[in-house]
């Protein structure tokens, strides 16, 4: 008889995702003290049973993952979680069990003038891992709401306070992973390139990457991409408008997108409310142009219109032709590696164990998400209003450091609809 290891719980019979080919194995996952104690392949388990041995890992609590994919807790590279501080903000702790996301990245909701509110009122109180990119604008994305007066966060040059942005980045190095800027007529009028150059200079000085949202000209996409450095990120990469995008009228990729990819610029999906065009995605994917990061851009308005969370973004990319494994990597290991995760990354509230976030491996934090494809097909809408039919990924159990997450009602409505957004969910 074999000696058994008692664990907190065991997830049995799942199709476990690994970050390298062949990607999938049939296995059980044992969890103890918040870590992954073991991953037991089915063939090893069956061999033990044949020899009359008992299960090596036992627990009073077991979860069945039969028919489900067992993934690392998802890493959403582009979200807006400054709830109560910006109109866009959603509560990540409430939505994590519904989206499978255990590591969130707030993409520029706060600037230097309001970052401390995001840090102390959201990050410090959350049981999740949350990181941030600081907006160049002093006020962040406070103006992005359903207001009669449209006022972009960089309509006034005085809001581009470089010295204050530098001060905040230096004060919170453990959670601020880079800078963010949003340029175009709705955010910076015609001065987008000047602000972009300002942000690039600051990022260079601080040794940080820059994430750029530039979906409405001016400037044009080609002008933006030609300026970005290795490690910078172009978000909303599959958006489309008459004056911007990575696809030419001919249907081919613009040369600047190919050149940027080759020199190490990263491309982020950033699905959002109006930032994913399925035709653009399909044309890019057919030409072998895949996003580096698969993210939801989940916020109050996108939640009310086109997307329910990161699994929906993965589903949309699969319908556009992206291999499932590539989409999962873009929502797990790849953004985790880019962010340099695997340290004490939860600000002391619930200590995250050292080990690679975004992967399932022995000794790593037990951040786990169960997903399965829906049995029924449904209609889906992209940011351009195009409809498609197909299955979608559904979320089962979600665990953060070995604790099963449950959603809750805090009396606050997360989704907010505003005129001009498509909706068909």
Protein backbone atom coordinates (compact mmCIF):
# COMPACT_ATOMS: atom_id res chain seq x y z
CA UNK A 1 0.00 0.00 0.00
CA UNK A 2 1.25 3.50 -0.78
CA UNK A 3 1.47 6.34 1.70
CA UNK A 4 -0.99 9.11 0.98
CA UNK A 5 -0.54 12.87 1.07
CA UNK A 6 -3.54 14.64 2.57
CA UNK A 7 -4.45 17.82 0.70
CA UNK A 8 -7.01 20.58 1.10
CA UNK A 9 -8.81 19.49 -2.06
CA UNK A 10 -8.29 17.62 -5.30
CA UNK A 11 -9.74 18.54 -8.69
CA UNK A 12 -10.24 15.29 -10.57
CA UNK A 13 -10.67 14.40 -14.21
CA UNK A 14 -9.85 17.72 -15.85
CA UNK A 15 -8.16 18.49 -19.14
CA UNK A 16 -5.17 20.42 -17.79
CA UNK A 17 -3.57 23.18 -19.87
CA UNK A 18 0.21 23.44 -19.95
CA UNK A 19 2.14 26.34 -21.45
CA UNK A 20 4.10 24.16 -23.90
CA UNK A 21 3.14 21.55 -26.51
CA UNK A 22 1.31 19.22 -26.39
CA UNK A 23 -0.54 21.73 -24.16
CA UNK A 24 -3.17 19.33 -22.80
CA UNK A 25 -3.02 16.39 -20.42
CA UNK A 26 -5.73 14.48 -18.63
CA UNK A 27 -4.89 14.91 -14.95
CA UNK A 28 -5.93 15.54 -11.36
CA UNK A 29 -4.67 18.61 -9.51
CA UNK A 30 -4.03 18.42 -5.76
CA UNK A 31 -3.94 21.63 -3.70
CA UNK A 32 -2.46 22.06 -0.23
CA UNK A 33 -1.84 25.24 1.81
CA UNK A 34 -2.70 27.47 -1.13
CA UNK A 35 -0.22 25.87 -3.50
CA UNK A 36 -0.44 23.25 -6.21
CA UNK A 37 0.84 20.15 -4.41
CA UNK A 38 0.83 17.86 -7.44
CA UNK A 39 -0.46 17.37 -10.98
CA UNK A 40 -1.18 13.67 -11.45
CA UNK A 41 -1.55 12.54 -15.03
CA UNK A 42 -4.35 10.08 -15.72
CA UNK A 43 -1.94 7.46 -17.04
CA UNK A 44 -0.01 7.51 -13.73
CA UNK A 45 -3.22 7.37 -11.73
CA UNK A 46 -4.50 4.45 -13.79
CA UNK A 47 -1.20 2.61 -13.45
CA UNK A 48 -1.40 2.89 -9.67
CA UNK A 49 -4.97 1.60 -9.70
CA UNK A 50 -3.90 -1.37 -11.81
CA UNK A 51 -1.23 -2.24 -9.24
CA UNK A 52 -3.79 -2.04 -6.43
CA UNK A 53 -2.36 1.17 -4.96
CA UNK A 54 -4.51 3.78 -3.31
CA UNK A 55 -4.65 7.36 -4.56
CA UNK A 56 -1.44 9.16 -3.54
CA UNK A 57 -3.24 12.45 -2.91
CA UNK A 58 -6.45 12.44 -0.92
CA UNK A 59 -8.73 15.12 0.50
CA UNK A 60 -12.10 15.42 2.15
CA UNK A 61 -13.14 17.85 -0.61
CA UNK A 62 -13.02 16.86 -4.24
CA UNK A 63 -14.20 18.71 -7.33
CA UNK A 64 -15.05 17.00 -10.59
CA UNK A 65 -13.63 18.64 -13.71
CA UNK A 66 -14.95 16.04 -16.10
CA UNK A 67 -15.62 17.66 -19.47
CA UNK A 68 -13.89 20.88 -18.40
CA UNK A 69 -10.60 22.60 -19.14
CA UNK A 70 -8.45 23.25 -16.11
CA UNK A 71 -6.44 26.45 -16.63
CA UNK A 72 -4.29 28.78 -14.55
CA UNK A 73 -6.26 31.68 -13.11
CA UNK A 74 -6.59 34.07 -16.04
CA UNK A 75 -4.44 37.20 -16.32
CA UNK A 76 -6.43 40.07 -17.82
CA UNK A 77 -3.91 42.59 -19.14
CA UNK A 78 -6.42 45.37 -19.81
CA UNK A 79 -9.24 46.22 -17.39
CA UNK A 80 -10.61 49.20 -15.46
CA UNK A 81 -11.13 48.44 -11.78
CA UNK A 82 -11.18 51.90 -10.17
CA UNK A 83 -14.79 51.47 -9.11
CA UNK A 84 -16.25 54.45 -7.31
CA UNK A 85 -13.36 56.58 -8.55
CA UNK A 86 -14.07 56.62 -12.30
CA UNK A 87 -17.27 56.04 -14.29
CA UNK A 88 -15.60 53.09 -16.03
CA UNK A 89 -14.72 51.21 -12.86
CA UNK A 90 -15.92 47.68 -12.07
CA UNK A 91 -15.38 45.65 -8.90
CA UNK A 92 -12.84 42.91 -9.67
CA UNK A 93 -13.53 40.90 -6.51
CA UNK A 94 -17.20 40.60 -7.44
CA UNK A 95 -16.46 39.70 -11.07
CA UNK A 96 -13.46 37.39 -10.63
CA UNK A 97 -15.62 34.29 -9.93
CA UNK A 98 -17.67 35.07 -13.06
CA UNK A 99 -14.72 35.71 -15.38
CA UNK A 100 -12.02 33.34 -14.17
CA UNK A 101 -9.57 36.23 -13.74
CA UNK A 102 -7.35 36.10 -10.65
CA UNK A 103 -4.77 38.65 -11.83
CA UNK A 104 -6.06 42.01 -13.06
CA UNK A 105 -4.26 44.90 -14.71
CA UNK A 106 -5.87 48.32 -14.47
CA UNK A 107 -4.99 50.09 -17.70
CA UNK A 108 -4.71 53.79 -16.97
CA UNK A 109 -7.87 54.47 -14.99
CA UNK A 110 -5.87 56.67 -12.66
CA UNK A 111 -3.31 59.38 -13.22
CA UNK A 112 -0.94 60.96 -10.74
CA UNK A 113 -3.74 63.03 -9.20
CA UNK A 114 -5.94 60.11 -8.17
CA UNK A 115 -3.70 57.04 -8.14
CA UNK A 116 -3.53 56.88 -4.35
CA UNK A 117 -7.31 56.42 -4.27
CA UNK A 118 -7.03 53.44 -6.59
CA UNK A 119 -4.19 52.00 -4.53
CA UNK A 120 -5.66 52.39 -1.05
CA UNK A 121 -9.37 51.91 -1.79
CA UNK A 122 -9.20 49.13 -4.40
CA UNK A 123 -5.81 47.40 -4.56
CA UNK A 124 -5.13 47.26 -0.85
CA UNK A 125 -8.62 45.94 -0.08
CA UNK A 126 -8.76 43.33 -2.81
CA UNK A 127 -8.07 39.63 -2.33
CA UNK A 128 -6.80 39.44 -5.91
CA UNK A 129 -3.54 40.39 -7.60
CA UNK A 130 -3.96 43.81 -9.23
CA UNK A 131 -1.34 45.81 -11.10
CA UNK A 132 -1.57 49.14 -12.86
CA UNK A 133 -0.37 51.27 -15.75
CA UNK A 134 -0.42 54.95 -14.81
CA UNK A 135 -2.11 57.39 -17.18
CA UNK A 136 -0.04 60.34 -18.36
CA UNK A 137 -3.04 62.58 -17.70
CA UNK A 138 -3.11 63.87 -14.14
CA UNK A 139 -6.81 63.02 -13.84
CA UNK A 140 -6.70 59.63 -15.55
CA UNK A 141 -9.97 58.48 -17.09
CA UNK A 142 -12.33 60.42 -14.83
CA UNK A 143 -13.85 62.26 -17.86
CA UNK A 144 -14.75 59.03 -19.68
CA UNK A 145 -18.40 58.80 -18.74
CA UNK A 146 -21.85 59.57 -20.05
CA UNK A 147 -21.67 63.33 -19.66
CA UNK A 148 -23.19 66.07 -21.82
CA UNK A 149 -19.89 67.93 -21.88
CA UNK A 150 -17.30 65.85 -23.72
CA UNK A 151 -13.92 66.65 -22.25
CA UNK A 152 -10.95 64.41 -23.03
CA UNK A 153 -8.37 63.76 -20.36
CA UNK A 154 -5.71 65.56 -22.44
CA UNK A 155 -7.75 68.38 -23.98
CA UNK A 156 -5.77 70.72 -21.72
CA UNK A 157 -1.97 70.41 -21.94
CA UNK A 158 -1.67 71.31 -18.26
CA UNK A 159 -3.06 67.87 -17.42
CA UNK A 160 0.04 66.19 -18.89
CA UNK A 161 2.03 66.60 -15.68
CA UNK A 162 5.19 64.63 -16.35
CA UNK A 163 6.88 65.40 -13.04
CA UNK A 164 3.90 64.19 -10.97
CA UNK A 165 3.57 61.05 -13.09
CA UNK A 166 7.24 60.30 -12.48
CA UNK A 167 6.82 60.87 -8.74
CA UNK A 168 3.92 58.44 -8.46
CA UNK A 169 5.67 55.76 -10.54
CA UNK A 170 8.68 55.96 -8.24
CA UNK A 171 6.50 55.88 -5.12
CA UNK A 172 4.62 52.69 -6.12
CA UNK A 173 7.12 50.57 -8.09
CA UNK A 174 5.70 47.24 -6.95
CA UNK A 175 2.31 47.77 -8.56
CA UNK A 176 2.87 50.30 -11.37
CA UNK A 177 4.15 48.31 -14.32
CA UNK A 178 4.24 51.08 -16.91
CA UNK A 179 2.59 54.15 -18.40
CA UNK A 180 -0.60 54.46 -20.44
CA UNK A 181 -1.73 57.14 -22.87
CA UNK A 182 -4.92 57.53 -24.88
CA UNK A 183 -4.62 59.74 -27.95
CA UNK A 184 -7.05 60.79 -30.67
CA UNK A 185 -9.78 63.37 -31.18
CA UNK A 186 -11.85 62.14 -28.22
CA UNK A 187 -8.95 62.34 -25.77
CA UNK A 188 -6.21 64.67 -27.02
CA UNK A 189 -7.73 66.54 -30.01
CA UNK A 190 -5.06 67.09 -32.67
CA UNK A 191 -2.07 66.99 -30.30
CA UNK A 192 -1.79 63.23 -30.04
CA UNK A 193 1.73 62.85 -31.41
CA UNK A 194 3.08 65.56 -29.13
CA UNK A 195 1.62 63.80 -26.09
CA UNK A 196 2.86 60.45 -27.37
CA UNK A 197 6.41 61.77 -27.66
CA UNK A 198 6.10 63.22 -24.15
CA UNK A 199 4.95 59.86 -22.76
CA UNK A 200 7.69 57.96 -24.60
CA UNK A 201 10.35 60.28 -23.20
CA UNK A 202 9.04 59.79 -19.66
CA UNK A 203 8.81 56.01 -20.10
CA UNK A 204 12.38 55.94 -21.36
CA UNK A 205 13.57 57.99 -18.40
CA UNK A 206 11.79 55.71 -15.91
CA UNK A 207 12.74 52.48 -17.66
CA UNK A 208 9.09 51.52 -18.11
CA UNK A 209 6.98 50.36 -21.06
CA UNK A 210 4.21 52.50 -22.56
CA UNK A 211 0.76 51.24 -23.55
CA UNK A 212 -0.89 53.30 -26.28
CA UNK A 213 -4.59 53.56 -27.13
CA UNK A 214 -4.90 55.28 -30.51
CA UNK A 215 -8.06 54.19 -32.29
CA UNK A 216 -9.26 57.48 -33.78
CA UNK A 217 -7.08 59.67 -35.99
CA UNK A 218 -5.26 61.91 -35.72
CA UNK A 219 -2.72 60.43 -35.40
CA UNK A 220 -2.94 57.55 -37.81
CA UNK A 221 -2.00 54.05 -36.69
CA UNK A 222 1.12 53.99 -38.86
CA UNK A 223 2.43 57.18 -37.25
CA UNK A 224 1.95 55.72 -33.77
CA UNK A 225 3.48 52.31 -34.47
CA UNK A 226 6.57 53.82 -36.09
CA UNK A 227 7.40 55.55 -32.78
CA UNK A 228 6.93 52.63 -30.38
CA UNK A 229 9.92 50.87 -28.82
CA UNK A 230 10.61 47.23 -28.12
CA UNK A 231 8.42 46.33 -25.13
CA UNK A 232 5.84 49.06 -25.70
CA UNK A 233 2.25 47.94 -26.27
CA UNK A 234 -0.30 48.94 -28.89
CA UNK A 235 -3.73 48.16 -27.45
CA UNK A 236 -7.06 47.62 -29.23
CA UNK A 237 -5.07 46.06 -32.06
CA UNK A 238 -8.13 44.62 -33.84
CA UNK A 239 -10.19 47.81 -33.79
CA UNK A 240 -11.23 49.40 -37.04
CA UNK A 241 -12.28 52.83 -38.22
CA UNK A 242 -12.13 54.72 -41.53
CA UNK A 243 -8.97 56.51 -40.39
CA UNK A 244 -7.11 53.93 -38.29
CA UNK A 245 -6.34 50.25 -37.86
CA UNK A 246 -3.69 47.71 -38.79
CA UNK A 247 -5.47 46.51 -41.96
CA UNK A 248 -5.27 48.42 -45.25
CA UNK A 249 -8.23 48.80 -47.62
CA UNK A 250 -6.67 45.99 -49.66
CA UNK A 251 -7.10 43.66 -46.68
CA UNK A 252 -3.37 43.41 -46.04
CA UNK A 253 -1.54 44.35 -42.86
CA UNK A 254 -0.04 47.82 -42.88
CA UNK A 255 3.78 47.61 -43.16
CA UNK A 256 4.25 49.51 -39.90
CA UNK A 257 2.41 46.78 -37.97
CA UNK A 258 4.70 44.09 -39.36
CA UNK A 259 7.81 46.16 -38.64
CA UNK A 260 6.64 46.98 -35.10
CA UNK A 261 5.98 43.31 -34.35
CA UNK A 262 9.45 42.35 -35.57
CA UNK A 263 11.20 44.89 -33.35
CA UNK A 264 9.36 43.74 -30.22
CA UNK A 265 6.31 45.97 -29.93
CA UNK A 266 3.52 43.98 -28.24
CA UNK A 267 -0.06 43.98 -29.51
CA UNK A 268 -2.93 43.78 -27.01
CA UNK A 269 -6.48 42.79 -27.93
CA UNK A 270 -8.33 45.11 -25.51
CA UNK A 271 -11.77 43.89 -26.65
CA UNK A 272 -13.79 46.68 -24.98
CA UNK A 273 -17.12 48.12 -26.05
CA UNK A 274 -16.15 49.37 -29.52
CA UNK A 275 -12.59 48.15 -29.96
CA UNK A 276 -12.94 44.67 -31.48
CA UNK A 277 -13.80 44.27 -35.13
CA UNK A 278 -14.22 40.62 -36.09
CA UNK A 279 -13.40 41.21 -39.77
CA UNK A 280 -10.14 42.96 -38.88
CA UNK A 281 -9.30 40.13 -36.48
CA UNK A 282 -9.95 37.43 -39.05
CA UNK A 283 -7.89 39.16 -41.74
CA UNK A 284 -4.97 39.68 -39.37
CA UNK A 285 -5.09 36.12 -38.05
CA UNK A 286 -5.23 34.70 -41.58
CA UNK A 287 -1.95 36.54 -42.24
CA UNK A 288 -0.36 35.05 -39.12
CA UNK A 289 -0.64 38.23 -37.07
CA UNK A 290 -1.69 37.17 -33.56
CA UNK A 291 -2.17 39.41 -30.51
CA UNK A 292 0.51 39.00 -27.85
CA UNK A 293 -1.99 39.65 -25.06
CA UNK A 294 -5.64 38.62 -25.05
CA UNK A 295 -7.50 41.04 -22.79
CA UNK A 296 -11.08 42.10 -22.20
CA UNK A 297 -10.88 45.87 -21.58
CA UNK A 298 -13.66 45.10 -19.13
CA UNK A 299 -15.33 48.20 -17.75
CA UNK A 300 -18.80 49.40 -16.86
CA UNK A 301 -19.75 50.25 -20.45
CA UNK A 302 -18.25 47.23 -22.20
CA UNK A 303 -19.90 44.99 -19.60
CA UNK A 304 -23.24 46.54 -20.54
CA UNK A 305 -22.74 46.14 -24.28
CA UNK A 306 -20.50 43.58 -25.95
CA UNK A 307 -18.51 41.49 -23.48
CA UNK A 308 -19.00 39.60 -20.21
CA UNK A 309 -15.33 39.03 -19.45
CA UNK A 310 -12.07 37.54 -20.65
CA UNK A 311 -13.52 34.11 -21.59
CA UNK A 312 -15.83 35.92 -24.03
CA UNK A 313 -12.82 37.64 -25.62
CA UNK A 314 -11.06 34.30 -25.99
CA UNK A 315 -14.22 32.85 -27.55
CA UNK A 316 -14.43 35.70 -30.07
CA UNK A 317 -10.84 35.22 -31.16
CA UNK A 318 -11.41 31.49 -31.63
CA UNK A 319 -14.42 32.25 -33.83
CA UNK A 320 -12.13 34.53 -35.85
CA UNK A 321 -9.69 31.69 -36.41
CA UNK A 322 -7.14 31.96 -33.58
CA UNK A 323 -6.12 28.57 -32.14
CA UNK A 324 -7.51 28.07 -28.64
CA UNK A 325 -4.06 27.36 -27.20
CA UNK A 326 -2.69 30.62 -28.58
CA UNK A 327 -5.61 32.55 -27.10
CA UNK A 328 -5.14 30.93 -23.68
CA UNK A 329 -1.42 31.72 -23.67
CA UNK A 330 -2.30 35.34 -24.39
CA UNK A 331 -4.51 35.34 -21.30
CA UNK A 332 -2.18 33.47 -18.93
CA UNK A 333 1.57 32.84 -19.23
CA UNK A 334 2.43 35.52 -21.78
CA UNK A 335 1.08 38.59 -19.93
CA UNK A 336 2.30 37.11 -16.62
CA UNK A 337 5.84 36.83 -17.97
CA UNK A 338 5.70 40.32 -19.47
CA UNK A 339 4.68 41.76 -16.11
CA UNK A 340 7.42 39.86 -14.28
CA UNK A 341 5.03 38.12 -11.90
CA UNK A 342 5.84 35.39 -9.43
CA UNK A 343 6.62 37.50 -6.34
CA UNK A 344 4.67 38.77 -3.32
CA UNK A 345 2.22 40.63 -5.49
CA UNK A 346 -0.82 41.27 -3.38
CA UNK A 347 0.32 44.10 -1.15
CA UNK A 348 0.35 42.01 2.00
CA UNK A 349 -3.41 41.42 2.36
CA UNK A 350 -3.29 37.84 1.14
CA UNK A 351 0.30 36.93 0.43
CA UNK A 352 0.79 35.44 -3.01
CA UNK A 353 3.31 32.65 -2.96
CA UNK A 354 6.51 32.84 -5.00
CA UNK A 355 6.14 30.88 -8.20
CA UNK A 356 5.09 31.48 -11.72
CA UNK A 357 1.68 33.11 -12.07
CA UNK A 358 -0.09 32.17 -15.30
CA UNK A 359 1.00 28.53 -15.22
CA UNK A 360 -0.13 25.34 -13.56
CA UNK A 361 2.93 23.74 -11.99
CA UNK A 362 3.84 22.10 -8.72
CA UNK A 363 4.64 24.63 -6.01
CA UNK A 364 2.97 27.58 -7.70
CA UNK A 365 0.02 29.50 -6.24
CA UNK A 366 -3.22 27.57 -6.66
CA UNK A 367 -4.83 30.17 -8.93
CA UNK A 368 -7.10 27.93 -10.99
CA UNK A 369 -9.97 28.42 -13.41
CA UNK A 370 -12.31 25.80 -14.88
CA UNK A 371 -13.75 26.54 -18.32
CA UNK A 372 -15.94 24.61 -20.74
CA UNK A 373 -17.53 25.29 -24.10
CA UNK A 374 -21.26 25.96 -24.06
CA UNK A 375 -23.43 23.21 -25.50
CA UNK A 376 -25.61 25.66 -27.38
CA UNK A 377 -24.61 28.22 -29.97
CA UNK A 378 -25.64 31.81 -29.46
CA UNK A 379 -25.45 35.14 -31.26
CA UNK A 380 -22.53 37.41 -30.43
CA UNK A 381 -21.86 41.01 -31.40
CA UNK A 382 -18.53 42.75 -31.95
CA UNK A 383 -17.69 46.40 -31.41
CA UNK A 384 -18.72 47.24 -34.96
CA UNK A 385 -22.16 45.71 -34.50
CA UNK A 386 -21.46 42.59 -36.58
CA UNK A 387 -23.27 39.46 -35.46
CA UNK A 388 -21.85 35.94 -35.40
CA UNK A 389 -23.00 32.60 -34.07
CA UNK A 390 -21.06 30.02 -32.15
CA UNK A 391 -20.35 28.45 -28.77
CA UNK A 392 -18.72 30.42 -25.99
CA UNK A 393 -16.57 29.60 -23.00
CA UNK A 394 -18.37 29.28 -19.68
CA UNK A 395 -16.74 29.64 -16.27
CA UNK A 396 -16.96 26.93 -13.63
CA UNK A 397 -15.11 27.04 -10.33
CA UNK A 398 -12.41 29.68 -9.76
CA UNK A 399 -9.72 29.47 -7.06
CA UNK A 400 -7.35 32.13 -5.75
CA UNK A 401 -4.40 30.77 -3.73
CA UNK A 402 -6.45 27.65 -3.08
CA UNK A 403 -9.60 29.43 -1.92
CA UNK A 404 -12.72 29.07 -4.03
CA UNK A 405 -14.07 32.46 -5.04
CA UNK A 406 -17.75 33.31 -4.89
CA UNK A 407 -19.45 36.36 -6.33
CA UNK A 408 -21.55 38.57 -4.10
CA UNK A 409 -24.15 41.31 -4.18
CA UNK A 410 -22.87 44.62 -2.84
CA UNK A 411 -25.93 46.57 -3.95
CA UNK A 412 -24.02 48.19 -6.79
CA UNK A 413 -24.70 47.67 -10.48
CA UNK A 414 -21.46 47.05 -12.39
CA UNK A 415 -22.71 47.48 -15.96
CA UNK A 416 -23.64 50.93 -17.21
CA UNK A 417 -25.12 51.55 -20.62
CA UNK A 418 -24.70 54.81 -22.48
CA UNK A 419 -25.90 56.02 -25.90
CA UNK A 420 -23.78 55.05 -28.88
CA UNK A 421 -22.83 51.55 -27.74
CA UNK A 422 -23.95 48.42 -29.53
CA UNK A 423 -25.49 45.72 -27.42
CA UNK A 424 -26.61 42.20 -28.20
CA UNK A 425 -25.64 39.82 -25.40
